[in-house]
Protein backbone atom coordinates (compact mmCIF):
# COMPACT_ATOMS: atom_id res chain seq x y z
CA MET A 1 7.27 6.87 -14.74
CA LEU A 2 5.54 7.27 -11.36
CA TYR A 3 5.95 9.16 -9.32
CA LEU A 4 4.50 10.25 -6.41
CA VAL A 5 4.91 14.09 -4.94
CA HIS A 6 4.04 15.85 -1.71
CA MET A 7 2.91 19.51 -2.81
CA GLN A 8 2.15 22.00 -0.09
CA VAL A 9 1.20 25.34 -0.77
CA GLY A 10 1.28 28.81 1.38
CA ILE A 11 -0.93 31.61 0.33
CA PRO A 12 1.23 35.04 1.54
CA ALA A 13 -1.03 36.99 3.37
CA GLY A 14 -1.82 40.10 2.06
CA THR A 15 -2.48 38.19 -1.18
CA ASP A 16 -5.32 39.50 -3.50
CA PRO A 17 -8.73 37.20 -3.10
CA ALA A 18 -9.70 37.24 -6.18
CA GLU A 19 -6.64 36.81 -7.86
CA LEU A 20 -5.83 33.68 -5.18
CA GLU A 21 -9.99 32.22 -6.04
CA ARG A 22 -8.51 32.91 -10.01
CA LEU A 23 -5.75 30.98 -9.61
CA GLN A 24 -7.96 28.23 -7.83
CA ALA A 25 -9.77 27.98 -10.85
CA GLU A 26 -7.74 27.26 -13.17
CA GLU A 27 -5.73 24.87 -11.08
CA ARG A 28 -8.60 22.80 -10.71
CA ILE A 29 -9.37 22.83 -14.75
CA PHE A 30 -5.82 22.39 -14.83
CA SER A 31 -5.56 19.02 -13.15
CA HIS A 32 -8.60 17.76 -14.31
CA ARG A 33 -7.86 17.94 -17.60
CA LEU A 34 -4.28 15.51 -16.78
CA GLN A 35 -6.34 13.76 -14.84
CA THR A 36 -8.74 12.97 -17.49
CA GLU A 37 -5.99 11.60 -19.84
CA GLY A 38 -4.52 10.24 -16.93
CA THR A 39 -1.25 11.53 -16.61
CA TRP A 40 -2.58 12.73 -12.84
CA ARG A 41 -3.41 8.96 -11.98
CA HIS A 42 -3.96 9.61 -8.33
CA LEU A 43 -4.28 13.07 -6.09
CA TRP A 44 -4.71 12.92 -1.94
CA ARG A 45 -5.91 16.06 0.37
CA VAL A 46 -3.89 16.34 3.29
CA THR A 47 -6.10 16.88 5.73
CA GLY A 48 -5.83 20.59 7.92
CA GLU A 49 -3.29 21.27 5.62
CA PHE A 50 -3.03 23.15 2.35
CA ALA A 51 -0.89 19.92 0.53
CA ASN A 52 -1.55 16.87 -1.18
CA TYR A 53 -0.43 13.66 -1.90
CA SER A 54 -0.08 13.22 -5.89
CA VAL A 55 0.95 10.36 -7.93
CA PHE A 56 1.88 11.11 -11.58
CA ASP A 57 2.15 9.61 -14.59
CA VAL A 58 4.68 10.54 -17.01
CA GLU A 59 7.44 10.12 -19.64
CA SER A 60 10.65 11.67 -17.74
CA HIS A 61 11.55 13.82 -15.25
CA ASP A 62 11.12 16.78 -17.69
CA GLN A 63 8.42 16.64 -18.24
CA LEU A 64 7.29 16.26 -14.77
CA HIS A 65 9.24 19.34 -13.98
CA THR A 66 7.02 21.20 -16.93
CA LEU A 67 4.49 19.67 -15.49
CA LEU A 68 5.33 20.42 -11.62
CA THR A 69 6.26 23.97 -12.93
CA SER A 70 3.03 24.93 -14.96
CA LEU A 71 0.17 24.62 -12.02
CA PRO A 72 -0.83 28.10 -11.11
CA LEU A 73 -0.47 27.70 -7.99
CA TYR A 74 3.13 26.69 -7.43
CA ARG A 75 4.57 29.76 -7.18
CA PHE A 76 2.88 29.83 -3.91
CA MET A 77 4.14 26.06 -3.16
CA THR A 78 6.42 25.61 -0.35
CA LEU A 79 7.24 22.24 -0.14
CA VAL A 80 7.65 19.51 -3.71
CA HIS A 81 8.97 16.77 -2.95
CA VAL A 82 9.30 14.00 -5.84
CA THR A 83 10.02 10.53 -4.98
CA PRO A 84 10.61 8.39 -8.29
CA LEU A 85 8.13 5.12 -8.11
CA ALA A 86 8.64 1.38 -8.56
CA HIS A 87 6.98 -1.69 -8.92
CA HIS A 88 7.11 -3.68 -5.77
CA PRO A 89 7.82 -7.82 -6.70
CA SER A 90 5.73 -8.28 -3.20
CA ALA A 91 2.86 -6.46 -4.49
CA ILE A 92 -0.56 -8.55 -6.00
CA ALA A 93 -1.34 -5.43 -8.35
CA SER A 94 0.30 -5.04 -11.85
CA ASP A 95 -0.75 -1.05 -11.13
């Protein structure tokens, strides 16, 4: 199942810079693994924001929920908007 996910991150003032750097490194490793596996199919930055649009390919809503809540920066997310996707009959690409 494909999902479009919009994530926005808000780091609170006073967050320890070393802790933030550690979490961002963990997030990068986690996302690279999921991208390599084909689970995190697309990752696009929103220009000028600490936000992204991503496409995930997972088996279920529950799997996506578990994946998203496992992200190291999840606790700082101010928005997570999930849109289930379906193939459009007029699309010329099947994937």
